[in-house]
Amino acid sequence: MNIEGKLVSGTQKGSYFMSLDFYQSQFLDKLGFKPYPGTLNLEITANKAREVLNFSNNFGIIKGKGQFGDVKFIRATLNHQLEGAIIFPVKTQHTLEIFEFVAPKNLRKALKLKDGDLITITIE
């Protein structure tokens, strides 16, 4: 399944959460990489978001700790070239139409991305 959307700025909170050791170690264990401390935010349509959420049987779980909630994830590829995961934090300020993508490197810098760029994320 391909998910197309527009790159948007986030709340800047993803960098804090993605830097926490207990999240980092679980991502390493379950995905094989420690995510860059930050997320790439993609704005998609509500219909596409619901379609992706129907894959919920395929989601993995990163366990939260204390006040920090669990994070569901599904492996995905960004622009047919970089492997990572779409994450769905149980506690979030984002609407249904914002997907967060994590990868082992700073994707904005590595791919020279900016707000408004069109992005494709592929779920196998």
PDB file of N, CA and C in Angstrom:
ATOM      1  N   MET A   1       0.840  -1.176   0.000  1.00  0.00           N
ATOM      2  CA  MET A   1       0.000   0.000   0.000  1.00  0.00           C
ATOM      3  C   MET A   1       0.886   1.241   0.000  1.00  0.00           C
ATOM      4  N   ASN A   2       0.585   2.156  -0.885  1.00  0.00           N
ATOM      5  CA  ASN A   2       1.288   3.441  -0.928  1.00  0.00           C
ATOM      6  C   ASN A   2       0.447   4.508  -0.240  1.00  0.00           C
ATOM      7  N   ILE A   3       1.115   5.319   0.550  1.00  0.00           N
ATOM      8  CA  ILE A   3       0.480   6.434   1.242  1.00  0.00           C
ATOM      9  C   ILE A   3       1.177   7.696   0.753  1.00  0.00           C
ATOM     10  N   GLU A   4       0.417   8.563   0.119  1.00  0.00           N
ATOM     11  CA  GLU A   4       1.003   9.805  -0.376  1.00  0.00           C
ATOM     12  C   GLU A   4       0.482  10.966   0.444  1.00  0.00           C
ATOM     13  N   GLY A   5       1.360  11.893   0.703  1.00  0.00           N
ATOM     14  CA  GLY A   5       0.955  13.053   1.477  1.00  0.00           C
ATOM     15  C   GLY A   5       1.979  14.158   1.406  1.00  0.00           C
ATOM     16  N   LYS A   6       1.711  15.181   2.159  1.00  0.00           N
ATOM     17  CA  LYS A   6       2.540  16.388   2.155  1.00  0.00           C
ATOM     18  C   LYS A   6       3.311  16.466   3.462  1.00  0.00           C
ATOM     19  N   LEU A   7       4.591  16.804   3.359  1.00  0.00           N
ATOM     20  CA  LEU A   7       5.435  16.966   4.532  1.00  0.00           C
ATOM     21  C   LEU A   7       5.029  18.236   5.275  1.00  0.00           C
ATOM     22  N   VAL A   8       4.829  18.099   6.594  1.00  0.00           N
ATOM     23  CA  VAL A   8       4.449  19.240   7.434  1.00  0.00           C
ATOM     24  C   VAL A   8       5.320  19.246   8.685  1.00  0.00           C
ATOM     25  N   SER A   9       5.432  20.407   9.288  1.00  0.00           N
ATOM     26  CA  SER A   9       6.159  20.511  10.554  1.00  0.00           C
ATOM     27  C   SER A   9       5.308  19.937  11.667  1.00  0.00           C
ATOM     28  N   GLY A  10       5.982  19.378  12.659  1.00  0.00           N
ATOM     29  CA  GLY A  10       5.278  18.810  13.798  1.00  0.00           C
ATOM     30  C   GLY A  10       5.305  19.750  14.982  1.00  0.00           C
ATOM     31  N   THR A  11       5.063  19.178  16.145  1.00  0.00           N
ATOM     32  CA  THR A  11       5.002  19.951  17.380  1.00  0.00           C
ATOM     33  C   THR A  11       6.373  20.094  18.031  1.00  0.00           C
ATOM     34  N   GLN A  12       7.381  19.471  17.445  1.00  0.00           N
ATOM     35  CA  GLN A  12       8.761  19.467  17.958  1.00  0.00           C
ATOM     36  C   GLN A  12       8.906  18.629  19.226  1.00  0.00           C
ATOM     37  N   LYS A  13       7.889  17.840  19.557  1.00  0.00           N
ATOM     38  CA  LYS A  13       7.967  16.991  20.743  1.00  0.00           C
ATOM     39  C   LYS A  13       8.519  15.611  20.412  1.00  0.00           C
ATOM     40  N   GLY A  14       8.428  15.210  19.143  1.00  0.00           N
ATOM     41  CA  GLY A  14       8.909  13.895  18.734  1.00  0.00           C
ATOM     42  C   GLY A  14      10.377  13.688  19.024  1.00  0.00           C
ATOM     43  N   SER A  15      11.163  14.760  18.916  1.00  0.00           N
ATOM     44  CA  SER A  15      12.601  14.623  19.171  1.00  0.00           C
ATOM     45  C   SER A  15      12.873  14.241  20.617  1.00  0.00           C
ATOM     46  N   TYR A  16      12.099  14.773  21.535  1.00  0.00           N
ATOM     47  CA  TYR A  16      12.275  14.425  22.945  1.00  0.00           C
ATOM     48  C   TYR A  16      11.911  12.955  23.185  1.00  0.00           C
ATOM     49  N   PHE A  17      10.736  12.570  22.718  1.00  0.00           N
ATOM     50  CA  PHE A  17      10.273  11.206  22.962  1.00  0.00           C
ATOM     51  C   PHE A  17      11.168  10.172  22.276  1.00  0.00           C
ATOM     52  N   MET A  18      11.588  10.457  21.055  1.00  0.00           N
ATOM     53  CA  MET A  18      12.421   9.496  20.325  1.00  0.00           C
ATOM     54  C   MET A  18      13.834   9.395  20.902  1.00  0.00           C
ATOM     55  N   SER A  19      14.209  10.324  21.761  1.00  0.00           N
ATOM     56  CA  SER A  19      15.545  10.267  22.374  1.00  0.00           C
ATOM     57  C   SER A  19      15.561   9.496  23.694  1.00  0.00           C
ATOM     58  N   LEU A  20      14.405   9.145  24.232  1.00  0.00           N
ATOM     59  CA  LEU A  20      14.343   8.430  25.509  1.00  0.00           C
ATOM     60  C   LEU A  20      14.891   7.011  25.342  1.00  0.00           C
ATOM     61  N   ASP A  21      15.770   6.627  26.259  1.00  0.00           N
ATOM     62  CA  ASP A  21      16.461   5.341  26.161  1.00  0.00           C
ATOM     63  C   ASP A  21      15.522   4.149  26.057  1.00  0.00           C
ATOM     64  N   PHE A  22      14.444   4.129  26.835  1.00  0.00           N
ATOM     65  CA  PHE A  22      13.579   2.947  26.810  1.00  0.00           C
ATOM     66  C   PHE A  22      12.831   2.812  25.480  1.00  0.00           C
ATOM     67  N   TYR A  23      12.526   3.927  24.805  1.00  0.00           N
ATOM     68  CA  TYR A  23      11.968   3.840  23.458  1.00  0.00           C
ATOM     69  C   TYR A  23      13.061   3.410  22.470  1.00  0.00           C
ATOM     70  N   GLN A  24      14.229   4.068  22.542  1.00  0.00           N
ATOM     71  CA  GLN A  24      15.343   3.778  21.633  1.00  0.00           C
ATOM     72  C   GLN A  24      15.707   2.290  21.655  1.00  0.00           C
ATOM     73  N   SER A  25      15.850   1.718  22.849  1.00  0.00           N
ATOM     74  CA  SER A  25      16.272   0.316  22.947  1.00  0.00           C
ATOM     75  C   SER A  25      15.214  -0.631  22.386  1.00  0.00           C
ATOM     76  N   GLN A  26      13.945  -0.314  22.581  1.00  0.00           N
ATOM     77  CA  GLN A  26      12.889  -1.174  22.033  1.00  0.00           C
ATOM     78  C   GLN A  26      12.814  -1.066  20.513  1.00  0.00           C
ATOM     79  N   PHE A  27      13.000   0.142  19.980  1.00  0.00           N
ATOM     80  CA  PHE A  27      13.027   0.279  18.525  1.00  0.00           C
ATOM     81  C   PHE A  27      14.188  -0.522  17.949  1.00  0.00           C
ATOM     82  N   LEU A  28      15.348  -0.439  18.591  1.00  0.00           N
ATOM     83  CA  LEU A  28      16.510  -1.203  18.137  1.00  0.00           C
ATOM     84  C   LEU A  28      16.200  -2.689  18.146  1.00  0.00           C
ATOM     85  N   ASP A  29      15.598  -3.171  19.208  1.00  0.00           N
ATOM     86  CA  ASP A  29      15.269  -4.586  19.331  1.00  0.00           C
ATOM     87  C   ASP A  29      14.221  -5.025  18.309  1.00  0.00           C
ATOM     88  N   LYS A  30      13.202  -4.211  18.089  1.00  0.00           N
ATOM     89  CA  LYS A  30      12.070  -4.620  17.249  1.00  0.00           C
ATOM     90  C   LYS A  30      12.196  -4.228  15.784  1.00  0.00           C
ATOM     91  N   LEU A  31      12.951  -3.161  15.500  1.00  0.00           N
ATOM     92  CA  LEU A  31      13.082  -2.700  14.118  1.00  0.00           C
ATOM     93  C   LEU A  31      14.504  -2.811  13.574  1.00  0.00           C
ATOM     94  N   GLY A  32      15.461  -3.025  14.469  1.00  0.00           N
ATOM     95  CA  GLY A  32      16.845  -3.158  14.024  1.00  0.00           C
ATOM     96  C   GLY A  32      17.592  -1.845  13.885  1.00  0.00           C
ATOM     97  N   PHE A  33      17.003  -0.759  14.359  1.00  0.00           N
ATOM     98  CA  PHE A  33      17.692   0.537  14.342  1.00  0.00           C
ATOM     99  C   PHE A  33      17.190   1.405  15.475  1.00  0.00           C
ATOM    100  N   LYS A  34      18.055   2.337  15.888  1.00  0.00           N
ATOM    101  CA  LYS A  34      17.636   3.372  16.823  1.00  0.00           C
ATOM    102  C   LYS A  34      17.165   4.550  15.981  1.00  0.00           C
ATOM    103  N   PRO A  35      15.936   5.028  16.206  1.00  0.00           N
ATOM    104  CA  PRO A  35      15.457   6.131  15.379  1.00  0.00           C
ATOM    105  C   PRO A  35      16.191   7.434  15.672  1.00  0.00           C
ATOM    106  N   TYR A  36      16.390   8.209  14.611  1.00  0.00           N
ATOM    107  CA  TYR A  36      16.876   9.574  14.780  1.00  0.00           C
ATOM    108  C   TYR A  36      15.900  10.262  15.731  1.00  0.00           C
ATOM    109  N   PRO A  37      16.389  11.061  16.671  1.00  0.00           N
ATOM    110  CA  PRO A  37      15.471  11.696  17.621  1.00  0.00           C
ATOM    111  C   PRO A  37      14.630  12.790  16.961  1.00  0.00           C
ATOM    112  N   GLY A  38      13.545  12.369  16.414  1.00  0.00           N
ATOM    113  CA  GLY A  38      12.597  13.247  15.742  1.00  0.00           C
ATOM    114  C   GLY A  38      11.750  12.412  14.811  1.00  0.00           C
ATOM    115  N   THR A  39      10.643  12.969  14.379  1.00  0.00           N
ATOM    116  CA  THR A  39       9.778  12.259  13.440  1.00  0.00           C
ATOM    117  C   THR A  39       9.534  13.133  12.217  1.00  0.00           C
ATOM    118  N   LEU A  40       9.286  12.476  11.105  1.00  0.00           N
ATOM    119  CA  LEU A  40       8.923  13.166   9.872  1.00  0.00           C
ATOM    120  C   LEU A  40       7.405  13.088   9.785  1.00  0.00           C
ATOM    121  N   ASN A  41       6.746  14.226   9.702  1.00  0.00           N
ATOM    122  CA  ASN A  41       5.281  14.263   9.733  1.00  0.00           C
ATOM    123  C   ASN A  41       4.700  14.418   8.339  1.00  0.00           C
ATOM    124  N   LEU A  42       3.753  13.543   8.039  1.00  0.00           N
ATOM    125  CA  LEU A  42       3.122  13.503   6.732  1.00  0.00           C
ATOM    126  C   LEU A  42       1.627  13.728   6.893  1.00  0.00           C
ATOM    127  N   GLU A  43       1.097  14.709   6.171  1.00  0.00           N
ATOM    128  CA  GLU A  43      -0.339  14.979   6.201  1.00  0.00           C
ATOM    129  C   GLU A  43      -0.999  14.201   5.070  1.00  0.00           C
ATOM    130  N   ILE A  44      -1.973  13.372   5.440  1.00  0.00           N
ATOM    131  CA  ILE A  44      -2.672  12.541   4.446  1.00  0.00           C
ATOM    132  C   ILE A  44      -4.175  12.761   4.587  1.00  0.00           C
ATOM    133  N   THR A  45      -4.946  12.097   3.734  1.00  0.00           N
ATOM    134  CA  THR A  45      -6.400  12.219   3.830  1.00  0.00           C
ATOM    135  C   THR A  45      -6.926  11.311   4.942  1.00  0.00           C
ATOM    136  N   ALA A  46      -8.071  11.671   5.488  1.00  0.00           N
ATOM    137  CA  ALA A  46      -8.689  10.869   6.552  1.00  0.00           C
ATOM    138  C   ALA A  46      -9.031   9.477   6.041  1.00  0.00           C
ATOM    139  N   ASN A  47      -9.491   9.379   4.791  1.00  0.00           N
ATOM    140  CA  ASN A  47      -9.824   8.061   4.224  1.00  0.00           C
ATOM    141  C   ASN A  47      -8.604   7.161   4.158  1.00  0.00           C
ATOM    142  N   LYS A  48      -7.474   7.690   3.742  1.00  0.00           N
ATOM    143  CA  LYS A  48      -6.244   6.899   3.666  1.00  0.00           C
ATOM    144  C   LYS A  48      -5.783   6.506   5.067  1.00  0.00           C
ATOM    145  N   ALA A  49      -5.924   7.416   6.014  1.00  0.00           N
ATOM    146  CA  ALA A  49      -5.543   7.105   7.398  1.00  0.00           C
ATOM    147  C   ALA A  49      -6.359   5.936   7.928  1.00  0.00           C
ATOM    148  N   ARG A  50      -7.660   5.949   7.689  1.00  0.00           N
ATOM    149  CA  ARG A  50      -8.507   4.847   8.155  1.00  0.00           C
ATOM    150  C   ARG A  50      -8.126   3.536   7.465  1.00  0.00           C
ATOM    151  N   GLU A  51      -7.786   3.608   6.192  1.00  0.00           N
ATOM    152  CA  GLU A  51      -7.366   2.418   5.457  1.00  0.00           C
ATOM    153  C   GLU A  51      -6.108   1.815   6.087  1.00  0.00           C
ATOM    154  N   VAL A  52      -5.144   2.658   6.428  1.00  0.00           N
ATOM    155  CA  VAL A  52      -3.914   2.181   7.065  1.00  0.00           C
ATOM    156  C   VAL A  52      -4.216   1.594   8.438  1.00  0.00           C
ATOM    157  N   LEU A  53      -5.062   2.247   9.204  1.00  0.00           N
ATOM    158  CA  LEU A  53      -5.380   1.769  10.548  1.00  0.00           C
ATOM    159  C   LEU A  53      -6.077   0.412  10.522  1.00  0.00           C
ATOM    160  N   ASN A  54      -6.662   0.042   9.387  1.00  0.00           N
ATOM    161  CA  ASN A  54      -7.254  -1.289   9.246  1.00  0.00           C
ATOM    162  C   ASN A  54      -6.198  -2.380   9.221  1.00  0.00           C
ATOM    163  N   PHE A  55      -4.929  -2.002   9.062  1.00  0.00           N
ATOM    164  CA  PHE A  55      -3.820  -2.949   9.114  1.00  0.00           C
ATOM    165  C   PHE A  55      -3.403  -3.219  10.563  1.00  0.00           C
ATOM    166  N   SER A  56      -4.215  -2.798  11.523  1.00  0.00           N
ATOM    167  CA  SER A  56      -3.788  -2.834  12.923  1.00  0.00           C
ATOM    168  C   SER A  56      -3.319  -4.198  13.410  1.00  0.00           C
ATOM    169  N   ASN A  57      -3.741  -5.280  12.768  1.00  0.00           N
ATOM    170  CA  ASN A  57      -3.254  -6.613  13.151  1.00  0.00           C
ATOM    171  C   ASN A  57      -1.767  -6.757  12.869  1.00  0.00           C
ATOM    172  N   ASN A  58      -1.233  -5.934  11.978  1.00  0.00           N
ATOM    173  CA  ASN A  58       0.180  -6.002  11.607  1.00  0.00           C
ATOM    174  C   ASN A  58       1.051  -5.054  12.431  1.00  0.00           C
ATOM    175  N   PHE A  59       0.460  -4.303  13.351  1.00  0.00           N
ATOM    176  CA  PHE A  59       1.224  -3.341  14.130  1.00  0.00           C
ATOM    177  C   PHE A  59       2.039  -4.030  15.218  1.00  0.00           C
ATOM    178  N   GLY A  60       3.242  -3.528  15.428  1.00  0.00           N
ATOM    179  CA  GLY A  60       4.035  -3.916  16.582  1.00  0.00           C
ATOM    180  C   GLY A  60       3.774  -2.915  17.689  1.00  0.00           C
ATOM    181  N   ILE A  61       4.269  -3.215  18.879  1.00  0.00           N
ATOM    182  CA  ILE A  61       4.059  -2.329  20.027  1.00  0.00           C
ATOM    183  C   ILE A  61       5.392  -2.035  20.717  1.00  0.00           C
ATOM    184  N   ILE A  62       5.629  -0.763  20.953  1.00  0.00           N
ATOM    185  CA  ILE A  62       6.730  -0.310  21.796  1.00  0.00           C
ATOM    186  C   ILE A  62       6.079   0.093  23.116  1.00  0.00           C
ATOM    187  N   LYS A  63       6.506  -0.504  24.196  1.00  0.00           N
ATOM    188  CA  LYS A  63       5.877  -0.257  25.497  1.00  0.00           C
ATOM    189  C   LYS A  63       6.340   1.066  26.097  1.00  0.00           C
ATOM    190  N   GLY A  64       5.382   1.820  26.600  1.00  0.00           N
ATOM    191  CA  GLY A  64       5.682   3.048  27.304  1.00  0.00           C
ATOM    192  C   GLY A  64       6.169   2.748  28.711  1.00  0.00           C
ATOM    193  N   LYS A  65       6.515   3.801  29.416  1.00  0.00           N
ATOM    194  CA  LYS A  65       7.024   3.640  30.778  1.00  0.00           C
ATOM    195  C   LYS A  65       6.558   4.838  31.594  1.00  0.00           C
ATOM    196  N   GLY A  66       5.958   4.560  32.748  1.00  0.00           N
ATOM    197  CA  GLY A  66       5.478   5.659  33.590  1.00  0.00           C
ATOM    198  C   GLY A  66       4.423   6.480  32.874  1.00  0.00           C
ATOM    199  N   GLN A  67       4.667   7.778  32.768  1.00  0.00           N
ATOM    200  CA  GLN A  67       3.711   8.685  32.122  1.00  0.00           C
ATOM    201  C   GLN A  67       3.776   8.641  30.596  1.00  0.00           C
ATOM    202  N   PHE A  68       4.746   7.911  30.059  1.00  0.00           N
ATOM    203  CA  PHE A  68       4.931   7.849  28.608  1.00  0.00           C
ATOM    204  C   PHE A  68       4.178   6.650  28.038  1.00  0.00           C
ATOM    205  N   GLY A  69       3.339   6.904  27.046  1.00  0.00           N
ATOM    206  CA  GLY A  69       2.454   5.875  26.513  1.00  0.00           C
ATOM    207  C   GLY A  69       3.114   4.935  25.527  1.00  0.00           C
ATOM    208  N   ASP A  70       2.378   3.876  25.223  1.00  0.00           N
ATOM    209  CA  ASP A  70       2.812   2.911  24.220  1.00  0.00           C
ATOM    210  C   ASP A  70       2.831   3.573  22.837  1.00  0.00           C
ATOM    211  N   VAL A  71       3.582   2.958  21.941  1.00  0.00           N
ATOM    212  CA  VAL A  71       3.663   3.428  20.558  1.00  0.00           C
ATOM    213  C   VAL A  71       3.453   2.219  19.653  1.00  0.00           C
ATOM    214  N   LYS A  72       2.416   2.287  18.814  1.00  0.00           N
ATOM    215  CA  LYS A  72       2.218   1.248  17.812  1.00  0.00           C
ATOM    216  C   LYS A  72       3.088   1.611  16.611  1.00  0.00           C
ATOM    217  N   PHE A  73       3.517   0.601  15.863  1.00  0.00           N
ATOM    218  CA  PHE A  73       4.317   0.883  14.671  1.00  0.00           C
ATOM    219  C   PHE A  73       4.058  -0.152  13.589  1.00  0.00           C
ATOM    220  N   ILE A  74       4.355   0.245  12.378  1.00  0.00           N
ATOM    221  CA  ILE A  74       4.323  -0.671  11.236  1.00  0.00           C
ATOM    222  C   ILE A  74       5.494  -0.311  10.330  1.00  0.00           C
ATOM    223  N   ARG A  75       6.225  -1.323   9.907  1.00  0.00           N
ATOM    224  CA  ARG A  75       7.378  -1.097   9.031  1.00  0.00           C
ATOM    225  C   ARG A  75       6.918  -0.469   7.715  1.00  0.00           C
ATOM    226  N   ALA A  76       7.748   0.417   7.186  1.00  0.00           N
ATOM    227  CA  ALA A  76       7.407   1.106   5.943  1.00  0.00           C
ATOM    228  C   ALA A  76       8.686   1.621   5.289  1.00  0.00           C
ATOM    229  N   THR A  77       8.552   2.041   4.046  1.00  0.00           N
ATOM    230  CA  THR A  77       9.666   2.603   3.286  1.00  0.00           C
ATOM    231  C   THR A  77       9.279   3.996   2.803  1.00  0.00           C
ATOM    232  N   LEU A  78      10.203   4.928   2.917  1.00  0.00           N
ATOM    233  CA  LEU A  78       9.969   6.311   2.511  1.00  0.00           C
ATOM    234  C   LEU A  78      10.535   6.544   1.116  1.00  0.00           C
ATOM    235  N   ASN A  79       9.698   7.064   0.225  1.00  0.00           N
ATOM    236  CA  ASN A  79      10.109   7.375  -1.158  1.00  0.00           C
ATOM    237  C   ASN A  79      10.855   6.217  -1.829  1.00  0.00           C
ATOM    238  N   HIS A  80      10.431   5.002  -1.530  1.00  0.00           N
ATOM    239  CA  HIS A  80      10.977   3.784  -2.146  1.00  0.00           C
ATOM    240  C   HIS A  80      12.470   3.607  -1.921  1.00  0.00           C
ATOM    241  N   GLN A  81      13.044   4.269  -0.891  1.00  0.00           N
ATOM    242  CA  GLN A  81      14.484   4.158  -0.720  1.00  0.00           C
ATOM    243  C   GLN A  81      14.966   4.025   0.717  1.00  0.00           C
ATOM    244  N   LEU A  82      14.226   4.504   1.695  1.00  0.00           N
ATOM    245  CA  LEU A  82      14.705   4.458   3.076  1.00  0.00           C
ATOM    246  C   LEU A  82      13.730   3.697   3.971  1.00  0.00           C
ATOM    247  N   GLU A  83      14.250   2.655   4.623  1.00  0.00           N
ATOM    248  CA  GLU A  83      13.411   1.864   5.508  1.00  0.00           C
ATOM    249  C   GLU A  83      13.265   2.541   6.860  1.00  0.00           C
ATOM    250  N   GLY A  84      12.099   2.377   7.436  1.00  0.00           N
ATOM    251  CA  GLY A  84      11.792   2.932   8.738  1.00  0.00           C
ATOM    252  C   GLY A  84      10.465   2.381   9.208  1.00  0.00           C
ATOM    253  N   ALA A  85       9.697   3.215   9.885  1.00  0.00           N
ATOM    254  CA  ALA A  85       8.395   2.787  10.395  1.00  0.00           C
ATOM    255  C   ALA A  85       7.480   3.990  10.565  1.00  0.00           C
ATOM    256  N   ILE A  86       6.197   3.741  10.368  1.00  0.00           N
ATOM    257  CA  ILE A  86       5.179   4.718  10.736  1.00  0.00           C
ATOM    258  C   ILE A  86       4.843   4.416  12.190  1.00  0.00           C
ATOM    259  N   ILE A  87       4.833   5.440  13.012  1.00  0.00           N
ATOM    260  CA  ILE A  87       4.512   5.228  14.422  1.00  0.00           C
ATOM    261  C   ILE A  87       3.178   5.899  14.762  1.00  0.00           C
ATOM    262  N   PHE A  88       2.497   5.286  15.718  1.00  0.00           N
ATOM    263  CA  PHE A  88       1.205   5.775  16.177  1.00  0.00           C
ATOM    264  C   PHE A  88       1.241   5.837  17.706  1.00  0.00           C
ATOM    265  N   PRO A  89       1.737   6.954  18.262  1.00  0.00           N
ATOM    266  CA  PRO A  89       1.761   7.076  19.726  1.00  0.00           C
ATOM    267  C   PRO A  89       0.346   7.042  20.286  1.00  0.00           C
ATOM    268  N   VAL A  90       0.160   6.299  21.361  1.00  0.00           N
ATOM    269  CA  VAL A  90      -1.149   6.237  22.002  1.00  0.00           C
ATOM    270  C   VAL A  90      -1.535   7.618  22.520  1.00  0.00           C
ATOM    271  N   LYS A  91      -0.554   8.331  23.073  1.00  0.00           N
ATOM    272  CA  LYS A  91      -0.766   9.714  23.526  1.00  0.00           C
ATOM    273  C   LYS A  91      -0.183  10.627  22.449  1.00  0.00           C
ATOM    274  N   THR A  92      -1.030  11.387  21.794  1.00  0.00           N
ATOM    275  CA  THR A  92      -0.556  12.279  20.744  1.00  0.00           C
ATOM    276  C   THR A  92      -1.428  13.525  20.654  1.00  0.00           C
ATOM    277  N   GLN A  93      -0.848  14.586  20.116  1.00  0.00           N
ATOM    278  CA  GLN A  93      -1.613  15.802  19.855  1.00  0.00           C
ATOM    279  C   GLN A  93      -2.000  15.895  18.390  1.00  0.00           C
ATOM    280  N   HIS A  94      -1.513  14.940  17.593  1.00  0.00           N
ATOM    281  CA  HIS A  94      -1.805  14.960  16.157  1.00  0.00           C
ATOM    282  C   HIS A  94      -3.206  14.436  15.869  1.00  0.00           C
ATOM    283  N   THR A  95      -3.783  14.931  14.791  1.00  0.00           N
ATOM    284  CA  THR A  95      -5.059  14.416  14.325  1.00  0.00           C
ATOM    285  C   THR A  95      -4.808  13.124  13.547  1.00  0.00           C
ATOM    286  N   LEU A  96      -5.874  12.463  13.183  1.00  0.00           N
ATOM    287  CA  LEU A  96      -5.825  11.219  12.421  1.00  0.00           C
ATOM    288  C   LEU A  96      -5.050  11.385  11.112  1.00  0.00           C
ATOM    289  N   GLU A  97      -5.080  12.578  10.540  1.00  0.00           N
ATOM    290  CA  GLU A  97      -4.488  12.826   9.220  1.00  0.00           C
ATOM    291  C   GLU A  97      -2.977  13.066   9.245  1.00  0.00           C
ATOM    292  N   ILE A  98      -2.348  13.038  10.413  1.00  0.00           N
ATOM    293  CA  ILE A  98      -0.894  13.228  10.499  1.00  0.00           C
ATOM    294  C   ILE A  98      -0.237  11.906  10.878  1.00  0.00           C
ATOM    295  N   PHE A  99       0.589  11.402   9.978  1.00  0.00           N
ATOM    296  CA  PHE A  99       1.372  10.200  10.248  1.00  0.00           C
ATOM    297  C   PHE A  99       2.797  10.612  10.569  1.00  0.00           C
ATOM    298  N   GLU A 100       3.409   9.899  11.514  1.00  0.00           N
ATOM    299  CA  GLU A 100       4.789  10.153  11.903  1.00  0.00           C
ATOM    300  C   GLU A 100       5.656   8.995  11.432  1.00  0.00           C
ATOM    301  N   PHE A 101       6.754   9.328  10.778  1.00  0.00           N
ATOM    302  CA  PHE A 101       7.673   8.319  10.249  1.00  0.00           C
ATOM    303  C   PHE A 101       9.010   8.464  10.960  1.00  0.00           C
ATOM    304  N   VAL A 102       9.581   7.327  11.361  1.00  0.00           N
ATOM    305  CA  VAL A 102      10.901   7.328  12.001  1.00  0.00           C
ATOM    306  C   VAL A 102      11.861   6.491  11.174  1.00  0.00           C
ATOM    307  N   ALA A 103      13.122   6.874  11.236  1.00  0.00           N
ATOM    308  CA  ALA A 103      14.202   6.189  10.516  1.00  0.00           C
ATOM    309  C   ALA A 103      15.494   6.441  11.283  1.00  0.00           C
ATOM    310  N   PRO A 104      16.568   5.739  10.917  1.00  0.00           N
ATOM    311  CA  PRO A 104      17.818   5.907  11.671  1.00  0.00           C
ATOM    312  C   PRO A 104      18.566   7.206  11.404  1.00  0.00           C
ATOM    313  N   LYS A 105      18.091   8.031  10.494  1.00  0.00           N
ATOM    314  CA  LYS A 105      18.794   9.290  10.222  1.00  0.00           C
ATOM    315  C   LYS A 105      17.830  10.445  10.074  1.00  0.00           C
ATOM    316  N   ASN A 106      18.367  11.653  10.093  1.00  0.00           N
ATOM    317  CA  ASN A 106      17.591  12.872   9.905  1.00  0.00           C
ATOM    318  C   ASN A 106      17.155  12.924   8.442  1.00  0.00           C
ATOM    319  N   LEU A 107      15.904  12.614   8.193  1.00  0.00           N
ATOM    320  CA  LEU A 107      15.408  12.498   6.820  1.00  0.00           C
ATOM    321  C   LEU A 107      15.304  13.846   6.116  1.00  0.00           C
ATOM    322  N   ARG A 108      14.945  14.880   6.838  1.00  0.00           N
ATOM    323  CA  ARG A 108      14.876  16.205   6.205  1.00  0.00           C
ATOM    324  C   ARG A 108      16.241  16.584   5.632  1.00  0.00           C
ATOM    325  N   LYS A 109      17.282  16.318   6.415  1.00  0.00           N
ATOM    326  CA  LYS A 109      18.627  16.674   5.986  1.00  0.00           C
ATOM    327  C   LYS A 109      19.137  15.724   4.897  1.00  0.00           C
ATOM    328  N   ALA A 110      18.976  14.421   5.112  1.00  0.00           N
ATOM    329  CA  ALA A 110      19.501  13.415   4.183  1.00  0.00           C
ATOM    330  C   ALA A 110      18.866  13.515   2.800  1.00  0.00           C
ATOM    331  N   LEU A 111      17.566  13.822   2.752  1.00  0.00           N
ATOM    332  CA  LEU A 111      16.851  13.888   1.467  1.00  0.00           C
ATOM    333  C   LEU A 111      16.551  15.312   1.025  1.00  0.00           C
ATOM    334  N   LYS A 112      17.069  16.284   1.792  1.00  0.00           N
ATOM    335  CA  LYS A 112      16.851  17.711   1.479  1.00  0.00           C
ATOM    336  C   LYS A 112      15.351  18.013   1.333  1.00  0.00           C
ATOM    337  N   LEU A 113      14.590  17.614   2.353  1.00  0.00           N
ATOM    338  CA  LEU A 113      13.144  17.798   2.342  1.00  0.00           C
ATOM    339  C   LEU A 113      12.749  19.089   3.052  1.00  0.00           C
ATOM    340  N   LYS A 114      11.609  19.633   2.616  1.00  0.00           N
ATOM    341  CA  LYS A 114      11.074  20.829   3.257  1.00  0.00           C
ATOM    342  C   LYS A 114       9.555  20.719   3.300  1.00  0.00           C
ATOM    343  N   ASP A 115       8.946  21.497   4.185  1.00  0.00           N
ATOM    344  CA  ASP A 115       7.488  21.491   4.287  1.00  0.00           C
ATOM    345  C   ASP A 115       6.865  21.709   2.914  1.00  0.00           C
ATOM    346  N   GLY A 116       5.821  20.943   2.650  1.00  0.00           N
ATOM    347  CA  GLY A 116       5.114  21.042   1.372  1.00  0.00           C
ATOM    348  C   GLY A 116       5.554  20.004   0.360  1.00  0.00           C
ATOM    349  N   ASP A 117       6.739  19.384   0.562  1.00  0.00           N
ATOM    350  CA  ASP A 117       7.193  18.340  -0.365  1.00  0.00           C
ATOM    351  C   ASP A 117       6.231  17.159  -0.308  1.00  0.00           C
ATOM    352  N   LEU A 118       6.020  16.535  -1.461  1.00  0.00           N
ATOM    353  CA  LEU A 118       5.184  15.345  -1.529  1.00  0.00           C
ATOM    354  C   LEU A 118       6.029  14.127  -1.219  1.00  0.00           C
ATOM    355  N   ILE A 119       5.501  13.278  -0.365  1.00  0.00           N
ATOM    356  CA  ILE A 119       6.214  12.108   0.145  1.00  0.00           C
ATOM    357  C   ILE A 119       5.361  10.870  -0.117  1.00  0.00           C
ATOM    358  N   THR A 120       6.023   9.754  -0.400  1.00  0.00           N
ATOM    359  CA  THR A 120       5.324   8.468  -0.511  1.00  0.00           C
ATOM    360  C   THR A 120       5.903   7.517   0.512  1.00  0.00           C
ATOM    361  N   ILE A 121       5.029   6.936   1.302  1.00  0.00           N
ATOM    362  CA  ILE A 121       5.426   5.900   2.252  1.00  0.00           C
ATOM    363  C   ILE A 121       4.742   4.611   1.801  1.00  0.00           C
ATOM    364  N   THR A 122       5.519   3.540   1.745  1.00  0.00           N
ATOM    365  CA  THR A 122       5.003   2.258   1.296  1.00  0.00           C
ATOM    366  C   THR A 122       4.994   1.264   2.440  1.00  0.00           C
ATOM    367  N   ILE A 123       3.840   0.629   2.641  1.00  0.00           N
ATOM    368  CA  ILE A 123       3.704  -0.451   3.615  1.00  0.00           C
ATOM    369  C   ILE A 123       3.615  -1.742   2.816  1.00  0.00           C
ATOM    370  N   GLU A 124       4.440  -2.706   3.157  1.00  0.00           N
ATOM    371  CA  GLU A 124       4.423  -4.006   2.449  1.00  0.00           C
ATOM    372  C   GLU A 124       3.249  -4.835   2.908  1.00  0.00           C
TER     373      GLU A 124
END
